Amino acid sequence: AQALRSGECDLALAGGVTVMATAGAFVEFSRQRGLAADGRCKAFSDDGDGTGWGEGAGVVALERLSDARRHRHPILAVVRGSAVNQDGASNGITAPNGPSQQRVIRQALTVAGLDATAVDAVEAHGTGTALGDPIEAQALLATYGKGRGDVPLRLGSIKSNIGHTQAAAGVAGIIKMVLAMRYGQLPATLHVGRPSRQVDWSAGAVELLTEPRLWPRTGHPRRAGISSFGISGTNAHVILEEPPATTEPEPAENPLPVVPFVFSGHGPDGLAAQATGLLDFLDTRPTVRLPDVAAALAGRAALTHRAVVLARTADQTVMDLMDIAGGVPAPVAAVDGRLAVVFTGQGSQRLDMGRGLHAAFPVYRAAHDEVSGLLELTGEVDDTGYAQPAIFALEVALLALVRSWGVTPDVVAGHSIGEITAAYAAGVLSLQDAATLVSARARL
């Protein structure tokens, strides 16, 4: 967040991961009597007898709020404030320091510009240990629990659900509270027989979430604090706020007149199976946006048997997919719109480019051979003197092929050679003049 605010970057990925490839942590913490006998984290419970290990990985993407709005990225939550400190010299590497925890919370509130009563809930570190949990609870009571009236701070820990994922525990808490804000419900903390008697719960208005609770808005956006503490005494606290209401209209179900669903398979049966899989996907996700599905499909491998469904509405798309799933080709539908072809410059060349088109389409072959007769197409693929004429020949042949299908595309100039191709496509240059220009450029 600090790097984003200072302009050092425009997008940041933050997260953590723990994979327990060996039994080392189990052995060491067993020797210290730090593991729960049943393997469960009983956070803030009177039965808390140690932590329970878990594995996990989590990553969140961070962006300045103004940038996220401008890019129309979905905003799941806002980092209102954060702070990190260290407890320094203490009575042991595994013993938490209550005053340091209070200081990091107050510092995060100061950065956020908020009073403690403006925060509704805290996702605690809450490992389930008899030593750490009472110290953390007392720090929360001293900071968030004061002056709240009859609206207590709600307290929970995801470690009761998935175990202590160590380096991934902090981001797990972040993700949990983002989802809680989104759905307006605070999840329960599990395995709590009764709140710990080592905590004076009457010292402030803090309520342990022993069951799920709705999270209504009470005159301000939903806000949550998330704590994550390192074993060596490093304390981190982040305050999240639900995203501001947008004044922009919600995107339409399908803002485009038509989007292509492209998919393929190994043979007709494989193609039918892909269509069936798409039908099942759409059936289980009735609110999915067609452009999102089309974008995901476009990134898949193109196998030998291919199909395209032109998706306009959900019902029409389902009918066309059912035809393909049953082995009946979907009818070809006319599409209102214009085709744009972008022709690029040097750098796009590759070995054997256009070879398949040259063998499959006589129109392409004839156009390519005509251009080849006007240019010298010999040399290495990365040699400018060869690459630029070869790109031009490919582009002219592609243009002829598309036109042979009865389509007159809008040709968009890319750079260098693409500009010459666009001028030829627009009739500004004859093929001979365009080829002469390409040859001249290639020799420069």
Protein backbone atom coordinates (compact mmCIF):
# COMPACT_ATOMS: atom_id res chain seq x y z
CA ALA A 1 0.00 0.00 0.00
CA GLN A 2 2.83 2.40 0.80
CA ALA A 3 4.53 1.65 -2.53
CA LEU A 4 1.26 2.39 -4.35
CA ARG A 5 0.74 5.64 -2.47
CA SER A 6 4.29 6.79 -3.21
CA GLY A 7 3.97 5.95 -6.91
CA GLU A 8 6.65 3.24 -6.88
CA CYS A 9 4.21 0.88 -8.62
CA ASP A 10 0.69 0.89 -10.06
CA LEU A 11 -0.29 -2.67 -9.16
CA ALA A 12 0.92 -4.89 -6.34
CA LEU A 13 0.37 -8.54 -5.50
CA ALA A 14 0.52 -9.31 -1.78
CA GLY A 15 0.09 -12.65 -0.13
CA GLY A 16 1.59 -15.58 1.65
CA VAL A 17 2.07 -19.30 1.25
CA THR A 18 2.93 -22.19 3.54
CA VAL A 19 3.58 -25.74 2.39
CA MET A 20 4.63 -28.13 5.15
CA ALA A 21 6.94 -30.39 3.19
CA THR A 22 8.46 -31.88 6.33
CA ALA A 23 7.28 -32.69 9.85
CA GLY A 24 9.73 -30.25 11.46
CA ALA A 25 7.16 -27.75 12.71
CA PHE A 26 5.02 -30.53 14.18
CA VAL A 27 7.97 -32.00 16.05
CA GLU A 28 9.28 -28.70 17.43
CA PHE A 29 5.91 -27.39 18.59
CA SER A 30 5.00 -30.77 20.08
CA ARG A 31 8.14 -30.59 22.20
CA GLN A 32 7.07 -27.14 23.39
CA ARG A 33 3.51 -28.35 24.09
CA GLY A 34 2.31 -25.76 21.58
CA LEU A 35 0.05 -28.02 19.50
CA ALA A 36 -3.58 -28.83 20.30
CA ALA A 37 -4.06 -32.46 21.21
CA ASP A 38 -6.90 -32.84 18.70
CA GLY A 39 -5.28 -30.69 16.01
CA ARG A 40 -7.98 -28.00 16.23
CA CYS A 41 -7.47 -24.29 16.84
CA LYS A 42 -9.94 -23.37 19.58
CA ALA A 43 -9.46 -19.61 19.34
CA PHE A 44 -10.38 -17.69 22.53
CA SER A 45 -12.00 -20.80 23.96
CA ASP A 46 -11.60 -21.95 27.52
CA ASP A 47 -10.57 -25.28 26.00
CA GLY A 48 -7.74 -23.76 23.97
CA ASP A 49 -4.74 -26.02 24.33
CA GLY A 50 -2.54 -25.05 21.39
CA THR A 51 -2.57 -24.37 17.71
CA GLY A 52 -3.29 -26.71 14.80
CA TRP A 53 -1.22 -26.44 11.65
CA GLY A 54 -2.64 -25.90 8.20
CA GLU A 55 -1.28 -25.26 4.73
CA GLY A 56 -2.45 -22.59 2.33
CA ALA A 57 -1.73 -19.92 -0.23
CA GLY A 58 -3.46 -16.64 -0.85
CA VAL A 59 -2.82 -13.55 -2.96
CA VAL A 60 -4.65 -10.24 -3.28
CA ALA A 61 -4.20 -7.57 -5.95
CA LEU A 62 -3.79 -4.01 -4.71
CA GLU A 63 -4.34 -0.87 -6.76
CA ARG A 64 -4.93 2.78 -6.03
CA LEU A 65 -8.67 3.36 -5.72
CA SER A 66 -8.66 6.05 -8.41
CA ASP A 67 -6.87 3.70 -10.83
CA ALA A 68 -9.24 0.82 -10.08
CA ARG A 69 -12.22 3.08 -10.83
CA ARG A 70 -10.67 4.38 -14.03
CA HIS A 71 -9.86 0.86 -15.23
CA ARG A 72 -13.33 -0.37 -14.18
CA HIS A 73 -11.78 -3.13 -12.10
CA PRO A 74 -14.02 -4.80 -9.52
CA ILE A 75 -13.29 -3.27 -6.10
CA LEU A 76 -13.77 -5.82 -3.33
CA ALA A 77 -12.54 -3.73 -0.40
CA VAL A 78 -10.50 -0.64 0.44
CA VAL A 79 -7.40 -0.65 2.65
CA ARG A 80 -8.33 2.19 4.98
CA GLY A 81 -5.24 1.95 7.19
CA SER A 82 -2.43 -0.33 8.29
CA ALA A 83 0.48 -0.50 10.69
CA VAL A 84 3.35 -2.81 11.62
CA ASN A 85 5.50 -2.78 14.75
CA GLN A 86 7.83 -4.97 16.80
CA ASP A 87 7.63 -5.65 20.52
CA GLY A 88 11.42 -5.53 20.92
CA ALA A 89 12.86 -7.08 24.06
CA SER A 90 10.23 -9.22 25.76
CA ASN A 91 9.96 -12.18 28.09
CA GLY A 92 10.41 -14.75 25.31
CA ILE A 93 10.31 -15.31 21.58
CA THR A 94 6.94 -17.10 21.78
CA ALA A 95 5.29 -14.73 24.28
CA PRO A 96 3.10 -12.01 22.73
CA ASN A 97 3.33 -8.46 24.03
CA GLY A 98 -0.03 -6.89 24.84
CA PRO A 99 1.04 -3.22 24.91
CA SER A 100 2.73 -3.60 21.51
CA GLN A 101 -0.46 -5.08 20.10
CA GLN A 102 -2.44 -2.14 21.45
CA ARG A 103 0.03 0.30 19.87
CA VAL A 104 -0.16 -1.29 16.41
CA ILE A 105 -3.98 -1.18 16.50
CA ARG A 106 -4.04 2.47 17.55
CA GLN A 107 -1.48 3.34 14.89
CA ALA A 108 -3.58 1.67 12.17
CA LEU A 109 -6.67 3.56 13.39
CA THR A 110 -4.71 6.82 13.26
CA VAL A 111 -3.55 6.12 9.70
CA ALA A 112 -7.15 5.29 8.77
CA GLY A 113 -8.44 8.46 10.44
CA LEU A 114 -11.00 6.46 12.39
CA ASP A 115 -12.22 6.08 15.94
CA ALA A 116 -12.21 2.51 17.25
CA THR A 117 -16.01 2.52 17.41
CA ALA A 118 -16.15 2.92 13.61
CA VAL A 119 -14.82 -0.65 13.19
CA ASP A 120 -17.44 -3.39 13.42
CA ALA A 121 -15.39 -6.57 13.64
CA VAL A 122 -11.88 -7.88 14.07
CA GLU A 123 -10.39 -10.96 12.49
CA ALA A 124 -7.92 -11.83 15.21
CA HIS A 125 -4.62 -13.67 15.11
CA GLY A 126 -6.33 -16.13 17.48
CA THR A 127 -4.14 -19.22 17.33
CA GLY A 128 -5.92 -21.11 20.12
CA THR A 129 -3.06 -21.07 22.63
CA ALA A 130 -3.62 -20.59 26.34
CA LEU A 131 -0.92 -17.91 26.46
CA GLY A 132 -1.41 -15.92 23.25
CA ASP A 133 -5.20 -15.69 23.02
CA PRO A 134 -5.82 -14.02 26.42
CA ILE A 135 -3.09 -11.44 25.75
CA GLU A 136 -4.59 -10.60 22.35
CA ALA A 137 -8.14 -10.48 23.73
CA GLN A 138 -7.10 -8.03 26.46
CA ALA A 139 -5.42 -5.80 23.85
CA LEU A 140 -8.60 -5.79 21.77
CA LEU A 141 -10.75 -5.03 24.80
CA ALA A 142 -8.47 -2.10 25.67
CA THR A 143 -8.53 -0.62 22.16
CA TYR A 144 -11.73 -1.58 20.35
CA GLY A 145 -13.86 -2.42 23.36
CA LYS A 146 -14.17 1.04 24.88
CA GLY A 147 -17.01 3.51 24.31
CA ARG A 148 -19.06 1.20 22.10
CA GLY A 149 -22.30 1.37 24.03
CA ASP A 150 -24.58 -1.55 23.24
CA VAL A 151 -22.90 -2.40 19.91
CA PRO A 152 -19.99 -4.75 20.70
CA LEU A 153 -17.02 -5.48 18.52
CA ARG A 154 -17.46 -8.87 16.86
CA LEU A 155 -14.41 -11.09 17.24
CA GLY A 156 -13.41 -14.21 15.29
CA SER A 157 -10.51 -16.23 13.89
CA ILE A 158 -10.32 -18.18 10.63
CA LYS A 159 -7.73 -20.47 12.22
CA SER A 160 -10.61 -22.32 13.84
CA ASN A 161 -11.81 -23.19 10.33
CA ILE A 162 -8.65 -23.99 8.39
CA GLY A 163 -5.92 -24.20 11.01
CA HIS A 164 -2.91 -21.94 11.43
CA THR A 165 -1.51 -21.55 7.91
CA GLN A 166 1.47 -19.61 9.28
CA ALA A 167 2.85 -17.38 6.49
CA ALA A 168 -0.54 -17.57 4.72
CA ALA A 169 -2.56 -16.83 7.87
CA GLY A 170 -2.64 -13.06 7.40
CA VAL A 171 -3.91 -13.12 3.82
CA ALA A 172 -6.43 -15.81 4.81
CA GLY A 173 -7.87 -13.37 7.34
CA ILE A 174 -7.95 -10.62 4.71
CA ILE A 175 -9.84 -12.82 2.25
CA LYS A 176 -12.27 -13.98 4.94
CA MET A 177 -13.24 -10.44 5.90
CA VAL A 178 -13.51 -9.28 2.26
CA LEU A 179 -16.01 -12.07 1.66
CA ALA A 180 -17.82 -11.30 4.92
CA MET A 181 -18.27 -7.70 3.78
CA ARG A 182 -19.48 -8.83 0.40
CA TYR A 183 -22.14 -11.18 1.77
CA GLY A 184 -23.03 -9.16 4.88
CA GLN A 185 -22.44 -12.01 7.29
CA LEU A 186 -19.73 -12.70 9.86
CA PRO A 187 -18.78 -16.40 10.07
CA ALA A 188 -18.67 -18.28 13.34
CA THR A 189 -15.48 -19.13 15.20
CA LEU A 190 -15.54 -22.89 15.69
CA HIS A 191 -14.70 -25.17 18.64
CA VAL A 192 -15.56 -22.64 21.35
CA GLY A 193 -17.18 -24.41 24.30
CA ARG A 194 -17.12 -21.23 26.37
CA PRO A 195 -15.03 -18.04 26.06
CA SER A 196 -11.72 -18.19 27.88
CA ARG A 197 -11.97 -17.54 31.61
CA GLN A 198 -8.48 -16.08 31.49
CA VAL A 199 -9.98 -13.02 29.79
CA ASP A 200 -11.97 -10.35 31.61
CA TRP A 201 -14.64 -10.01 28.94
CA SER A 202 -16.40 -7.36 31.07
CA ALA A 203 -13.49 -4.95 30.51
CA GLY A 204 -14.95 -3.85 27.19
CA ALA A 205 -17.66 -4.49 24.62
CA VAL A 206 -16.19 -7.40 22.63
CA GLU A 207 -18.30 -10.39 21.63
CA LEU A 208 -16.81 -13.66 20.45
CA LEU A 209 -18.54 -14.92 17.30
CA THR A 210 -19.62 -18.38 18.44
CA GLU A 211 -22.28 -18.42 15.71
CA PRO A 212 -22.75 -16.64 12.36
CA ARG A 213 -24.18 -13.14 12.54
CA LEU A 214 -25.61 -10.83 9.94
CA TRP A 215 -23.47 -7.78 9.36
CA PRO A 216 -25.79 -4.81 8.82
CA ARG A 217 -24.59 -1.34 7.94
CA THR A 218 -24.96 0.93 10.97
CA GLY A 219 -24.60 4.44 9.61
CA HIS A 220 -21.17 3.82 8.10
CA PRO A 221 -19.55 1.40 5.64
CA ARG A 222 -18.73 -2.06 6.97
CA ARG A 223 -15.22 -2.03 8.43
CA ALA A 224 -13.01 -4.73 9.87
CA GLY A 225 -9.62 -4.94 11.50
CA ILE A 226 -7.35 -7.89 10.72
CA SER A 227 -4.44 -8.84 12.97
CA SER A 228 -1.52 -11.08 12.14
CA PHE A 229 1.38 -11.55 14.53
CA GLY A 230 4.77 -13.12 13.94
CA ILE A 231 6.30 -15.52 16.42
CA SER A 232 9.24 -13.17 16.96
CA GLY A 233 7.06 -10.27 18.07
CA THR A 234 6.25 -8.53 14.78
CA ASN A 235 2.66 -7.29 14.84
CA ALA A 236 0.58 -6.23 11.81
CA HIS A 237 -2.92 -4.75 11.77
CA VAL A 238 -4.93 -3.74 8.69
CA ILE A 239 -8.27 -1.96 8.58
CA LEU A 240 -10.48 -2.81 5.61
CA GLU A 241 -13.57 -0.93 4.49
CA GLU A 242 -16.24 -2.06 2.08
CA PRO A 243 -15.93 -0.39 -1.32
CA PRO A 244 -17.75 2.88 -1.93
CA ALA A 245 -21.01 2.70 -3.82
CA THR A 246 -20.48 3.36 -7.49
CA THR A 247 -22.55 5.91 -9.41
CA GLU A 248 -21.83 4.16 -12.68
CA PRO A 249 -24.53 1.93 -14.13
CA GLU A 250 -24.06 -1.80 -13.78
CA PRO A 251 -22.68 -3.38 -16.96
CA ALA A 252 -25.30 -4.94 -19.18
CA GLU A 253 -25.57 -8.73 -19.29
CA ASN A 254 -24.14 -8.58 -22.78
CA PRO A 255 -22.90 -5.11 -23.75
CA LEU A 256 -21.85 -6.37 -27.18
CA PRO A 257 -24.32 -7.29 -29.94
CA VAL A 258 -22.71 -10.71 -30.20
CA VAL A 259 -19.74 -12.53 -28.67
CA PRO A 260 -18.10 -15.67 -30.07
CA PHE A 261 -17.90 -18.86 -28.02
CA VAL A 262 -14.96 -20.69 -29.61
CA PHE A 263 -14.19 -24.24 -28.51
CA SER A 264 -12.67 -27.38 -29.93
CA GLY A 265 -12.02 -31.05 -29.30
CA HIS A 266 -10.12 -34.11 -30.48
CA GLY A 267 -12.67 -35.33 -33.00
CA PRO A 268 -16.47 -34.93 -33.21
CA ASP A 269 -17.07 -36.67 -29.88
CA GLY A 270 -14.61 -34.39 -28.15
CA LEU A 271 -16.29 -31.34 -29.66
CA ALA A 272 -19.71 -32.55 -28.50
CA ALA A 273 -18.28 -33.17 -25.03
CA GLN A 274 -16.99 -29.59 -24.90
CA ALA A 275 -20.44 -28.28 -25.84
CA THR A 276 -22.00 -30.44 -23.12
CA GLY A 277 -19.51 -29.12 -20.58
CA LEU A 278 -20.39 -25.54 -21.54
CA LEU A 279 -24.08 -26.31 -21.12
CA ASP A 280 -23.45 -27.69 -17.64
CA PHE A 281 -21.39 -24.60 -16.77
CA LEU A 282 -24.10 -22.19 -17.91
CA ASP A 283 -26.77 -24.22 -16.09
CA THR A 284 -24.96 -23.97 -12.75
CA ARG A 285 -24.05 -20.29 -13.17
CA PRO A 286 -27.15 -18.53 -14.50
CA THR A 287 -25.78 -15.05 -13.74
CA VAL A 288 -22.50 -15.43 -15.62
CA ARG A 289 -21.83 -12.78 -18.27
CA LEU A 290 -21.48 -14.07 -21.82
CA PRO A 291 -18.44 -11.87 -22.64
CA ASP A 292 -16.61 -13.33 -19.62
CA VAL A 293 -17.25 -16.89 -20.85
CA ALA A 294 -16.15 -15.94 -24.37
CA ALA A 295 -12.92 -14.41 -23.06
CA ALA A 296 -12.11 -17.55 -21.06
CA LEU A 297 -12.78 -19.84 -24.03
CA ALA A 298 -10.60 -17.75 -26.33
CA GLY A 299 -7.54 -18.65 -24.28
CA ARG A 300 -7.91 -22.39 -24.73
CA ALA A 301 -5.94 -24.55 -27.17
CA ALA A 302 -7.32 -24.90 -30.69
CA LEU A 303 -7.72 -28.63 -31.33
CA THR A 304 -8.53 -30.37 -34.62
CA HIS A 305 -12.35 -30.11 -34.54
CA ARG A 306 -13.64 -26.62 -33.85
CA ALA A 307 -16.92 -24.79 -33.48
CA VAL A 308 -18.10 -21.24 -32.90
CA VAL A 309 -21.39 -20.23 -31.33
CA LEU A 310 -22.32 -16.59 -31.82
CA ALA A 311 -23.80 -15.76 -28.43
CA ARG A 312 -26.40 -13.01 -28.32
CA THR A 313 -28.67 -14.18 -25.49
CA ALA A 314 -28.38 -16.96 -22.94
CA ASP A 315 -31.36 -18.87 -24.37
CA GLN A 316 -30.12 -18.73 -27.96
CA THR A 317 -26.62 -19.76 -26.86
CA VAL A 318 -27.98 -22.78 -25.00
CA MET A 319 -29.99 -23.90 -28.05
CA ASP A 320 -26.95 -23.67 -30.34
CA LEU A 321 -24.79 -25.54 -27.85
CA MET A 322 -27.41 -28.28 -27.57
CA ASP A 323 -27.26 -28.73 -31.36
CA ILE A 324 -23.49 -29.16 -31.27
CA ALA A 325 -23.68 -31.47 -28.25
CA GLY A 326 -26.13 -33.62 -30.24
CA GLY A 327 -23.94 -33.61 -33.34
CA VAL A 328 -26.11 -31.16 -35.28
CA PRO A 329 -24.11 -28.18 -36.65
CA ALA A 330 -25.50 -24.87 -35.48
CA PRO A 331 -26.81 -22.66 -38.29
CA VAL A 332 -24.57 -19.90 -39.51
CA ALA A 333 -26.04 -16.56 -38.49
CA ALA A 334 -25.39 -13.22 -40.12
CA VAL A 335 -23.84 -10.63 -37.84
CA ASP A 336 -24.38 -6.92 -38.17
CA GLY A 337 -21.09 -5.15 -37.77
CA ARG A 338 -17.77 -4.37 -39.40
CA LEU A 339 -14.55 -6.33 -39.55
CA ALA A 340 -11.28 -4.62 -38.75
CA VAL A 341 -7.92 -6.10 -39.72
CA VAL A 342 -4.78 -4.77 -38.06
CA PHE A 343 -1.58 -5.18 -40.07
CA THR A 344 1.59 -4.90 -38.07
CA GLY A 345 5.22 -4.16 -38.80
CA GLN A 346 8.51 -5.91 -38.30
CA GLY A 347 8.82 -8.10 -35.23
CA SER A 348 5.75 -10.22 -35.93
CA GLN A 349 7.51 -12.53 -38.38
CA ARG A 350 8.03 -16.21 -37.64
CA LEU A 351 9.33 -19.21 -39.48
CA ASP A 352 6.77 -20.86 -41.82
CA MET A 353 4.22 -18.09 -41.34
CA GLY A 354 1.38 -18.50 -43.81
CA ARG A 355 2.57 -21.91 -45.01
CA GLY A 356 -0.71 -23.60 -44.05
CA LEU A 357 -2.82 -20.89 -45.69
CA HIS A 358 -0.68 -21.07 -48.84
CA ALA A 359 -1.37 -24.80 -49.11
CA ALA A 360 -5.09 -24.63 -48.24
CA PHE A 361 -6.44 -21.56 -50.09
CA PRO A 362 -5.83 -20.93 -53.81
CA VAL A 363 -6.78 -17.26 -53.44
CA TYR A 364 -4.19 -16.77 -50.73
CA ARG A 365 -1.60 -18.68 -52.76
CA ALA A 366 -2.18 -16.65 -55.90
CA ALA A 367 -1.93 -13.31 -54.09
CA HIS A 368 1.16 -14.38 -52.17
CA ASP A 369 2.88 -15.64 -55.31
CA GLU A 370 2.10 -12.39 -57.15
CA VAL A 371 3.72 -10.33 -54.40
CA SER A 372 6.64 -12.73 -54.26
CA GLY A 373 7.27 -12.04 -57.92
CA LEU A 374 7.68 -8.36 -57.11
CA LEU A 375 9.90 -8.84 -54.06
CA GLU A 376 13.02 -10.74 -53.11
CA LEU A 377 11.89 -13.28 -50.52
CA THR A 378 15.09 -15.02 -49.55
CA GLY A 379 17.08 -14.78 -46.37
CA GLU A 380 16.90 -15.34 -42.63
CA VAL A 381 13.60 -14.77 -40.86
CA ASP A 382 15.09 -12.15 -38.50
CA ASP A 383 16.96 -10.33 -41.24
CA THR A 384 15.22 -7.00 -41.96
CA GLY A 385 15.85 -7.31 -45.68
CA TYR A 386 13.83 -10.54 -45.72
CA ALA A 387 11.40 -10.06 -42.81
CA GLN A 388 9.74 -6.88 -44.07
CA PRO A 389 8.98 -8.14 -47.62
CA ALA A 390 7.75 -11.47 -46.17
CA ILE A 391 5.38 -9.68 -43.77
CA PHE A 392 4.04 -7.53 -46.60
CA ALA A 393 3.42 -10.60 -48.79
CA LEU A 394 1.58 -12.30 -45.95
CA GLU A 395 -0.59 -9.25 -45.28
CA VAL A 396 -1.54 -8.74 -48.94
CA ALA A 397 -2.43 -12.43 -49.28
CA LEU A 398 -4.53 -12.32 -46.09
CA LEU A 399 -6.36 -9.27 -47.41
CA ALA A 400 -7.14 -11.07 -50.66
CA LEU A 401 -8.39 -14.12 -48.77
CA VAL A 402 -10.75 -12.12 -46.57
CA ARG A 403 -12.07 -10.20 -49.54
CA SER A 404 -12.71 -13.48 -51.39
CA TRP A 405 -15.17 -14.37 -48.62
CA GLY A 406 -17.29 -11.34 -49.50
CA VAL A 407 -16.03 -9.22 -46.62
CA THR A 408 -14.56 -5.76 -47.06
CA PRO A 409 -12.60 -5.13 -43.87
CA ASP A 410 -11.50 -1.85 -42.39
CA VAL A 411 -7.71 -2.05 -42.52
CA VAL A 412 -6.00 -0.51 -39.51
CA ALA A 413 -2.37 0.43 -39.93
CA GLY A 414 0.04 -0.86 -37.39
CA HIS A 415 3.60 0.33 -37.93
CA SER A 416 6.03 0.56 -40.86
CA ILE A 417 5.06 -2.31 -43.20
CA GLY A 418 1.49 -2.29 -41.86
CA GLU A 419 1.15 1.33 -42.96
CA ILE A 420 2.14 0.45 -46.52
CA THR A 421 -0.31 -2.49 -46.56
CA ALA A 422 -3.09 -0.20 -45.31
CA ALA A 423 -2.34 2.30 -48.06
CA TYR A 424 -2.53 -0.50 -50.66
CA ALA A 425 -5.80 -1.77 -49.15
CA ALA A 426 -7.30 1.73 -49.35
CA GLY A 427 -6.30 2.06 -53.04
CA VAL A 428 -3.82 4.85 -52.33
CA LEU A 429 -0.93 2.72 -53.64
CA SER A 430 -0.87 0.17 -56.40
CA LEU A 431 0.58 -3.23 -55.58
CA GLN A 432 3.69 -2.40 -57.64
CA ASP A 433 4.22 0.93 -55.85
CA ALA A 434 3.62 -0.66 -52.46
CA ALA A 435 6.11 -3.42 -53.20
CA THR A 436 8.68 -0.83 -54.29
CA LEU A 437 8.25 1.06 -51.01
CA VAL A 438 8.64 -2.15 -49.02
CA SER A 439 11.83 -3.03 -50.88
CA ALA A 440 13.21 0.44 -50.25
CA ARG A 441 12.42 0.24 -46.52
CA ALA A 442 13.94 -3.22 -46.24
CA ARG A 443 17.24 -1.95 -47.68
CA LEU A 444 17.50 0.97 -45.22
